[in-house]
Amino acid sequence: MKEYGKKLTKNKIKIIEGYLLKLKEAINLKQMLDIDTYIEKINNFWATSQEIFNKNQTNNQSNKRDKKDVDSQVQDVDYEEVK
């Protein structure tokens, strides 16, 4: 959570914190089915979030490359104006 907290929306942080709280309760009550359920929910949440992080990172890198390509297309003029 500490590593990805800045990348998550407040709504998603609330969702994962809710799952973690329910998982802790299930562990304290030794409810094995609930433990499995919340572990699966947490794993699915992180898998989906990781896909979004990777997609955003790829888009950011692509945007940087596009900007670099535009900068490399700058050409000098054929003449120089002297005043």
C-alpha atoms as a PDB file:
ATOM      1  CA  MET A   1       0.000   0.000   0.000  1.00  0.00           C
ATOM      2  CA  LYS A   2       2.781   2.416   0.828  1.00  0.00           C
ATOM      3  CA  GLU A   3       4.439   1.933  -2.545  1.00  0.00           C
ATOM      4  CA  TYR A   4       1.297   2.243  -4.672  1.00  0.00           C
ATOM      5  CA  GLY A   5      -0.797   4.503  -2.451  1.00  0.00           C
ATOM      6  CA  LYS A   6       0.031   7.588  -4.490  1.00  0.00           C
ATOM      7  CA  LYS A   7      -1.066   5.852  -7.692  1.00  0.00           C
ATOM      8  CA  LEU A   8      -4.460   4.743  -6.346  1.00  0.00           C
ATOM      9  CA  THR A   9      -7.593   6.825  -6.153  1.00  0.00           C
ATOM     10  CA  LYS A  10      -9.156   7.460  -2.757  1.00  0.00           C
ATOM     11  CA  ASN A  11     -12.033   5.168  -3.701  1.00  0.00           C
ATOM     12  CA  LYS A  12      -9.674   2.291  -4.524  1.00  0.00           C
ATOM     13  CA  ILE A  13      -7.752   2.830  -1.311  1.00  0.00           C
ATOM     14  CA  LYS A  14     -11.012   2.545   0.628  1.00  0.00           C
ATOM     15  CA  ILE A  15     -11.877  -0.671  -1.214  1.00  0.00           C
ATOM     16  CA  ILE A  16      -8.550  -2.364  -0.489  1.00  0.00           C
ATOM     17  CA  GLU A  17      -8.566  -1.172   3.130  1.00  0.00           C
ATOM     18  CA  GLY A  18     -12.056  -2.651   3.505  1.00  0.00           C
ATOM     19  CA  TYR A  19     -10.855  -5.994   2.143  1.00  0.00           C
ATOM     20  CA  LEU A  20      -7.864  -5.926   4.493  1.00  0.00           C
ATOM     21  CA  LEU A  21     -10.041  -5.134   7.495  1.00  0.00           C
ATOM     22  CA  LYS A  22     -12.442  -7.969   6.663  1.00  0.00           C
ATOM     23  CA  LEU A  23      -9.514 -10.333   6.116  1.00  0.00           C
ATOM     24  CA  LYS A  24      -8.088  -9.464   9.534  1.00  0.00           C
ATOM     25  CA  GLU A  25     -11.496 -10.086  11.132  1.00  0.00           C
ATOM     26  CA  ALA A  26     -11.807 -13.431   9.358  1.00  0.00           C
ATOM     27  CA  ILE A  27      -8.333 -14.419  10.547  1.00  0.00           C
ATOM     28  CA  ASN A  28      -9.174 -13.485  14.148  1.00  0.00           C
ATOM     29  CA  LEU A  29     -12.401 -15.510  13.970  1.00  0.00           C
ATOM     30  CA  LYS A  30     -10.621 -18.356  12.133  1.00  0.00           C
ATOM     31  CA  GLN A  31     -13.221 -18.360   9.335  1.00  0.00           C
ATOM     32  CA  MET A  32     -11.301 -20.186   6.635  1.00  0.00           C
ATOM     33  CA  LEU A  33     -13.823 -19.653   3.825  1.00  0.00           C
ATOM     34  CA  ASP A  34     -13.903 -15.912   4.446  1.00  0.00           C
ATOM     35  CA  ILE A  35     -10.113 -15.816   4.622  1.00  0.00           C
ATOM     36  CA  ASP A  36      -9.885 -17.478   1.207  1.00  0.00           C
ATOM     37  CA  THR A  37     -12.554 -15.150  -0.194  1.00  0.00           C
ATOM     38  CA  TYR A  38     -10.832 -11.948   0.929  1.00  0.00           C
ATOM     39  CA  ILE A  39      -7.381 -13.128  -0.115  1.00  0.00           C
ATOM     40  CA  GLU A  40      -8.810 -13.811  -3.571  1.00  0.00           C
ATOM     41  CA  LYS A  41     -10.485 -10.373  -3.661  1.00  0.00           C
ATOM     42  CA  ILE A  42      -7.242  -8.664  -2.636  1.00  0.00           C
ATOM     43  CA  ASN A  43      -5.244 -10.604  -5.236  1.00  0.00           C
ATOM     44  CA  ASN A  44      -7.753  -9.738  -7.968  1.00  0.00           C
ATOM     45  CA  PHE A  45      -7.732  -6.091  -6.927  1.00  0.00           C
ATOM     46  CA  TRP A  46      -3.931  -5.909  -7.130  1.00  0.00           C
ATOM     47  CA  ALA A  47      -3.819  -7.776 -10.435  1.00  0.00           C
ATOM     48  CA  THR A  48      -6.262  -5.300 -11.968  1.00  0.00           C
ATOM     49  CA  SER A  49      -4.437  -2.335 -10.446  1.00  0.00           C
ATOM     50  CA  GLN A  50      -1.080  -3.615 -11.695  1.00  0.00           C
ATOM     51  CA  GLU A  51      -2.450  -3.865 -15.239  1.00  0.00           C
ATOM     52  CA  ILE A  52      -3.614  -0.248 -15.008  1.00  0.00           C
ATOM     53  CA  PHE A  53      -0.225   0.881 -13.620  1.00  0.00           C
ATOM     54  CA  ASN A  54       1.609  -0.891 -16.443  1.00  0.00           C
ATOM     55  CA  LYS A  55      -0.717   0.562 -19.070  1.00  0.00           C
ATOM     56  CA  ASN A  56      -0.252   4.082 -17.665  1.00  0.00           C
ATOM     57  CA  GLN A  57       3.517   3.648 -17.531  1.00  0.00           C
ATOM     58  CA  THR A  58       3.590   2.421 -21.139  1.00  0.00           C
ATOM     59  CA  ASN A  59       1.475   5.397 -22.230  1.00  0.00           C
ATOM     60  CA  ASN A  60       3.771   7.816 -20.384  1.00  0.00           C
ATOM     61  CA  GLN A  61       6.854   6.313 -22.028  1.00  0.00           C
ATOM     62  CA  SER A  62       5.159   6.478 -25.424  1.00  0.00           C
ATOM     63  CA  ASN A  63       4.288  10.143 -24.889  1.00  0.00           C
ATOM     64  CA  LYS A  64       7.905  10.907 -23.975  1.00  0.00           C
ATOM     65  CA  ARG A  65       9.118   9.127 -27.124  1.00  0.00           C
ATOM     66  CA  ASP A  66       6.615  11.044 -29.256  1.00  0.00           C
ATOM     67  CA  LYS A  67       7.830  14.331 -27.824  1.00  0.00           C
ATOM     68  CA  LYS A  68      11.440  13.337 -28.457  1.00  0.00           C
ATOM     69  CA  ASP A  69      10.552  12.436 -32.072  1.00  0.00           C
ATOM     70  CA  VAL A  70       8.954  15.848 -32.591  1.00  0.00           C
ATOM     71  CA  ASP A  71      12.033  17.574 -31.163  1.00  0.00           C
ATOM     72  CA  SER A  72      14.333  15.586 -33.445  1.00  0.00           C
ATOM     73  CA  GLN A  73      12.389  16.752 -36.510  1.00  0.00           C
ATOM     74  CA  VAL A  74      13.461  20.389 -36.076  1.00  0.00           C
ATOM     75  CA  GLN A  75      15.389  21.614 -39.119  1.00  0.00           C
ATOM     76  CA  ASP A  76      17.693  24.547 -39.648  1.00  0.00           C
ATOM     77  CA  VAL A  77      16.772  27.214 -42.162  1.00  0.00           C
ATOM     78  CA  ASP A  78      18.778  27.573 -45.362  1.00  0.00           C
ATOM     79  CA  TYR A  79      19.803  31.148 -44.631  1.00  0.00           C
ATOM     80  CA  GLU A  80      20.894  33.252 -41.704  1.00  0.00           C
ATOM     81  CA  GLU A  81      19.564  36.727 -41.070  1.00  0.00           C
ATOM     82  CA  VAL A  82      22.295  39.183 -40.114  1.00  0.00           C
ATOM     83  CA  LYS A  83      21.427  42.562 -38.599  1.00  0.00           C
END
